[in-house]
Amino acid sequence: MTQLDLLFHYEVAPSPSALLAFNKIRDVYGVRRLELRERDKSIRIEFDATRLSAAVIQQLLRRADINVAESLPPTSEADQPI
């Protein structure tokens, strides 16, 4: 298993219905963790890169009606400081 994190920034806060759809992303096989930080206007998604790709994660966000303004490159467990 290759664990990756994607960090997205959004400009407009997600609507209540978008937040419900966002929470359903947890049910997708390979998604390990979702974190939405309203203070930073950011979304971090941890996923198994052997099951999903960054493009699929972005598509899941679009389907949840969450418009992300930018994303940072994926980071893996190996990139994290010890």
C-alpha atoms as a PDB file:
ATOM      1  CA  MET A   1       0.000   0.000   0.000  1.00  0.00           C
ATOM      2  CA  THR A   2       1.275   3.435  -0.933  1.00  0.00           C
ATOM      3  CA  GLN A   3      -0.303   6.107   1.215  1.00  0.00           C
ATOM      4  CA  LEU A   4      -0.530   9.615  -0.263  1.00  0.00           C
ATOM      5  CA  ASP A   5      -1.897  12.926   0.995  1.00  0.00           C
ATOM      6  CA  LEU A   6      -3.390  15.578  -1.241  1.00  0.00           C
ATOM      7  CA  LEU A   7      -3.928  19.118  -0.024  1.00  0.00           C
ATOM      8  CA  PHE A   8      -6.458  21.346  -1.757  1.00  0.00           C
ATOM      9  CA  HIS A   9      -7.402  24.966  -1.147  1.00  0.00           C
ATOM     10  CA  TYR A  10     -10.849  26.356  -1.829  1.00  0.00           C
ATOM     11  CA  GLU A  11     -12.095  29.932  -2.076  1.00  0.00           C
ATOM     12  CA  VAL A  12     -15.824  29.495  -1.394  1.00  0.00           C
ATOM     13  CA  ALA A  13     -16.953  27.450   1.593  1.00  0.00           C
ATOM     14  CA  PRO A  14     -18.807  24.256   0.627  1.00  0.00           C
ATOM     15  CA  SER A  15     -22.588  24.299   1.011  1.00  0.00           C
ATOM     16  CA  PRO A  16     -24.288  22.007   3.547  1.00  0.00           C
ATOM     17  CA  SER A  17     -25.275  19.583   0.766  1.00  0.00           C
ATOM     18  CA  ALA A  18     -21.687  19.590  -0.544  1.00  0.00           C
ATOM     19  CA  LEU A  19     -20.442  18.781   2.963  1.00  0.00           C
ATOM     20  CA  LEU A  20     -22.785  15.795   3.136  1.00  0.00           C
ATOM     21  CA  ALA A  21     -21.497  14.564  -0.223  1.00  0.00           C
ATOM     22  CA  PHE A  22     -17.920  15.232   0.940  1.00  0.00           C
ATOM     23  CA  ASN A  23     -18.428  12.987   3.960  1.00  0.00           C
ATOM     24  CA  LYS A  24     -19.618  10.184   1.676  1.00  0.00           C
ATOM     25  CA  ILE A  25     -16.195  10.198   0.009  1.00  0.00           C
ATOM     26  CA  ARG A  26     -15.038   8.312   3.133  1.00  0.00           C
ATOM     27  CA  ASP A  27     -16.989   5.319   1.823  1.00  0.00           C
ATOM     28  CA  VAL A  28     -14.849   5.079  -1.321  1.00  0.00           C
ATOM     29  CA  TYR A  29     -12.513   2.100  -1.097  1.00  0.00           C
ATOM     30  CA  GLY A  30      -8.966   3.432  -0.773  1.00  0.00           C
ATOM     31  CA  VAL A  31      -9.805   6.724   0.932  1.00  0.00           C
ATOM     32  CA  ARG A  32      -8.254   6.576   4.376  1.00  0.00           C
ATOM     33  CA  ARG A  33      -8.930  10.011   5.877  1.00  0.00           C
ATOM     34  CA  LEU A  34     -10.662  13.307   5.049  1.00  0.00           C
ATOM     35  CA  GLU A  35      -9.951  16.566   6.792  1.00  0.00           C
ATOM     36  CA  LEU A  36     -11.641  19.884   6.079  1.00  0.00           C
ATOM     37  CA  ARG A  37     -10.183  22.943   7.782  1.00  0.00           C
ATOM     38  CA  GLU A  38     -12.449  25.943   7.456  1.00  0.00           C
ATOM     39  CA  ARG A  39      -9.904  28.213   9.132  1.00  0.00           C
ATOM     40  CA  ASP A  40      -7.277  27.447   6.449  1.00  0.00           C
ATOM     41  CA  LYS A  41      -9.836  26.908   3.682  1.00  0.00           C
ATOM     42  CA  SER A  42      -8.159  23.600   2.955  1.00  0.00           C
ATOM     43  CA  ILE A  43      -9.027  19.966   2.399  1.00  0.00           C
ATOM     44  CA  ARG A  44      -6.569  17.147   3.035  1.00  0.00           C
ATOM     45  CA  ILE A  45      -7.305  13.681   1.731  1.00  0.00           C
ATOM     46  CA  GLU A  46      -5.225  10.659   2.623  1.00  0.00           C
ATOM     47  CA  PHE A  47      -5.638   7.720   0.247  1.00  0.00           C
ATOM     48  CA  ASP A  48      -4.120   4.485  -0.990  1.00  0.00           C
ATOM     49  CA  ALA A  49      -2.358   5.305  -4.270  1.00  0.00           C
ATOM     50  CA  THR A  50      -2.463   1.652  -5.351  1.00  0.00           C
ATOM     51  CA  ARG A  51      -6.275   1.947  -5.448  1.00  0.00           C
ATOM     52  CA  LEU A  52      -6.888   5.589  -6.451  1.00  0.00           C
ATOM     53  CA  SER A  53      -5.123   8.408  -8.279  1.00  0.00           C
ATOM     54  CA  ALA A  54      -4.981  12.150  -7.678  1.00  0.00           C
ATOM     55  CA  ALA A  55      -7.240  12.628 -10.721  1.00  0.00           C
ATOM     56  CA  VAL A  56      -9.880  10.322  -9.209  1.00  0.00           C
ATOM     57  CA  ILE A  57      -9.720  12.230  -5.908  1.00  0.00           C
ATOM     58  CA  GLN A  58     -10.258  15.519  -7.749  1.00  0.00           C
ATOM     59  CA  GLN A  59     -13.189  13.979  -9.617  1.00  0.00           C
ATOM     60  CA  LEU A  60     -14.742  12.853  -6.313  1.00  0.00           C
ATOM     61  CA  LEU A  61     -14.481  16.430  -5.017  1.00  0.00           C
ATOM     62  CA  ARG A  62     -16.088  17.817  -8.181  1.00  0.00           C
ATOM     63  CA  ARG A  63     -18.942  15.304  -7.882  1.00  0.00           C
ATOM     64  CA  ALA A  64     -19.453  16.471  -4.295  1.00  0.00           C
ATOM     65  CA  ASP A  65     -19.770  20.024  -5.719  1.00  0.00           C
ATOM     66  CA  ILE A  66     -16.605  21.233  -3.992  1.00  0.00           C
ATOM     67  CA  ASN A  67     -14.639  23.616  -6.176  1.00  0.00           C
ATOM     68  CA  VAL A  68     -10.974  23.620  -5.290  1.00  0.00           C
ATOM     69  CA  ALA A  69      -8.877  26.578  -6.362  1.00  0.00           C
ATOM     70  CA  GLU A  70      -5.492  24.863  -6.218  1.00  0.00           C
ATOM     71  CA  SER A  71      -3.798  21.709  -5.079  1.00  0.00           C
ATOM     72  CA  LEU A  72      -0.326  20.967  -3.829  1.00  0.00           C
ATOM     73  CA  PRO A  73       1.659  17.975  -5.121  1.00  0.00           C
ATOM     74  CA  PRO A  74       0.948  14.661  -3.382  1.00  0.00           C
ATOM     75  CA  THR A  75       3.070  13.704  -0.395  1.00  0.00           C
ATOM     76  CA  SER A  76       3.729  10.161   0.751  1.00  0.00           C
ATOM     77  CA  GLU A  77       4.562   8.593   4.095  1.00  0.00           C
ATOM     78  CA  ALA A  78       8.225   8.639   3.071  1.00  0.00           C
ATOM     79  CA  ASP A  79       8.083  12.441   2.696  1.00  0.00           C
ATOM     80  CA  GLN A  80       6.882  12.943   6.281  1.00  0.00           C
ATOM     81  CA  PRO A  81       9.511  13.878   8.909  1.00  0.00           C
ATOM     82  CA  ILE A  82      10.270  11.241  11.502  1.00  0.00           C
END
